[in-house]
Amino acid sequence: MLVKDTNAQRKPTELKVTKREAEYRLVSKILDEYIVFSDQQMRQIDDILLDAKTGKIKYFTVDMATDSFFSDDIRAIPVNEVHVKWSGQVISSASLTDVSSHKKYQMNSM
């Protein structure tokens, strides 16, 4: 028996963006930007963590110890709590208070 799969011949939909829109999607544009939390506090984006299987961004990391030379209080904000606006501004639905106090944001609890 031969089964013909018509779905196998379809290409994935391409994301079409302008050059200006694409610039805001570059990782180099996001790192060192500031993330604005729901309580209007800000921290600099330290790094991003990727899902090893999918390659998608899983977390944005921020250093809570802003006066320290070494990063020793890193927190991870899940990607579903972060939004990058078309203007390039990075915002989070979480408050800085929540990120600093709740265990789910601590790197060692992941």
Protein backbone atom coordinates (compact mmCIF):
# COMPACT_ATOMS: atom_id res chain seq x y z
CA MET A 1 0.00 0.00 0.00
CA LEU A 2 1.34 3.45 -0.89
CA VAL A 3 0.23 6.43 1.16
CA LYS A 4 0.84 9.81 -0.32
CA ASP A 5 1.37 12.51 2.28
CA THR A 6 0.43 15.85 0.78
CA ASN A 7 1.54 17.70 3.93
CA ALA A 8 5.13 16.54 3.49
CA GLN A 9 5.54 18.74 0.45
CA ARG A 10 4.54 21.96 2.18
CA LYS A 11 7.25 24.36 3.19
CA PRO A 12 7.18 26.04 6.57
CA THR A 13 5.81 29.56 6.52
CA GLU A 14 8.61 32.08 6.29
CA LEU A 15 8.76 35.01 8.64
CA LYS A 16 8.95 38.15 6.56
CA VAL A 17 10.34 41.22 8.25
CA THR A 18 11.95 44.42 7.11
CA LYS A 19 15.62 45.11 7.79
CA ARG A 20 14.63 47.53 10.56
CA GLU A 21 12.37 44.92 12.19
CA ALA A 22 15.06 42.26 11.88
CA GLU A 23 17.59 44.43 13.71
CA TYR A 24 15.44 44.29 16.86
CA ARG A 25 15.47 40.48 16.72
CA LEU A 26 19.25 40.15 16.89
CA VAL A 27 20.58 38.71 20.13
CA SER A 28 23.37 41.30 20.09
CA LYS A 29 20.69 44.02 20.26
CA ILE A 30 19.01 42.43 23.27
CA LEU A 31 22.06 41.67 25.42
CA ASP A 32 23.04 44.63 27.59
CA GLU A 33 19.63 46.24 26.97
CA TYR A 34 17.52 46.98 30.00
CA ILE A 35 14.47 44.96 30.91
CA VAL A 36 11.67 47.01 32.43
CA PHE A 37 9.73 45.13 35.10
CA SER A 38 6.04 45.62 35.87
CA ASP A 39 6.94 47.86 38.85
CA GLN A 40 8.97 50.09 36.44
CA GLN A 41 12.29 48.96 37.96
CA MET A 42 15.02 48.11 35.45
CA ARG A 43 17.95 45.71 35.21
CA GLN A 44 20.41 45.08 32.41
CA ILE A 45 19.94 41.82 30.48
CA ASP A 46 23.00 39.77 31.31
CA ASP A 47 22.47 36.75 29.07
CA ILE A 48 19.89 34.48 27.46
CA LEU A 49 19.48 30.76 28.02
CA LEU A 50 18.37 28.57 25.13
CA ASP A 51 16.43 25.32 25.10
CA ALA A 52 18.96 22.70 23.96
CA LYS A 53 16.39 20.77 21.92
CA THR A 54 14.51 23.57 20.17
CA GLY A 55 17.08 26.36 20.13
CA LYS A 56 14.41 28.79 21.33
CA ILE A 57 15.04 31.35 24.05
CA LYS A 58 13.97 29.87 27.37
CA TYR A 59 15.14 32.53 29.88
CA PHE A 60 16.51 36.05 30.04
CA THR A 61 19.01 36.49 32.88
CA VAL A 62 19.64 39.58 34.97
CA ASP A 63 22.13 40.30 37.74
CA MET A 64 20.41 41.55 40.87
CA ALA A 65 23.70 42.72 42.42
CA THR A 66 24.14 45.91 40.42
CA ASP A 67 26.94 47.23 42.63
CA SER A 68 29.07 44.09 42.40
CA PHE A 69 31.93 43.62 39.93
CA PHE A 70 31.24 39.88 39.72
CA SER A 71 27.83 38.44 38.84
CA ASP A 72 26.78 36.58 41.92
CA ASP A 73 23.04 37.03 42.16
CA ILE A 74 21.77 35.97 38.72
CA ARG A 75 18.03 35.51 38.19
CA ALA A 76 16.31 33.90 35.21
CA ILE A 77 13.07 35.32 33.86
CA PRO A 78 11.08 32.83 31.74
CA VAL A 79 10.55 33.94 28.15
CA ASN A 80 6.77 33.79 28.60
CA GLU A 81 7.10 36.65 31.11
CA VAL A 82 9.08 38.85 28.70
CA HIS A 83 8.00 40.81 25.65
CA VAL A 84 10.15 42.74 23.18
CA LYS A 85 8.23 45.65 21.68
CA TRP A 86 8.70 46.71 18.06
CA SER A 87 10.57 49.73 19.41
CA GLY A 88 13.10 47.33 20.94
CA GLN A 89 12.05 47.95 24.54
CA VAL A 90 12.15 44.76 26.62
CA ILE A 91 9.42 44.50 29.25
CA SER A 92 8.47 41.85 31.80
CA SER A 93 5.13 41.02 33.36
CA ALA A 94 6.98 40.17 36.59
CA SER A 95 7.96 42.79 39.13
CA LEU A 96 11.55 43.21 40.24
CA THR A 97 10.39 42.46 43.78
CA ASP A 98 9.01 39.09 42.64
CA VAL A 99 12.16 38.27 40.68
CA SER A 100 14.38 39.07 43.65
CA SER A 101 12.29 37.21 46.23
CA HIS A 102 10.68 34.17 44.59
CA LYS A 103 12.61 30.93 44.31
CA LYS A 104 11.34 30.17 40.78
CA TYR A 105 13.60 32.91 39.40
CA GLN A 106 16.78 31.68 41.12
CA MET A 107 19.25 29.99 38.80
CA ASN A 108 19.97 27.14 41.22
CA SER A 109 16.27 26.18 41.39
CA MET A 110 16.01 25.44 37.66
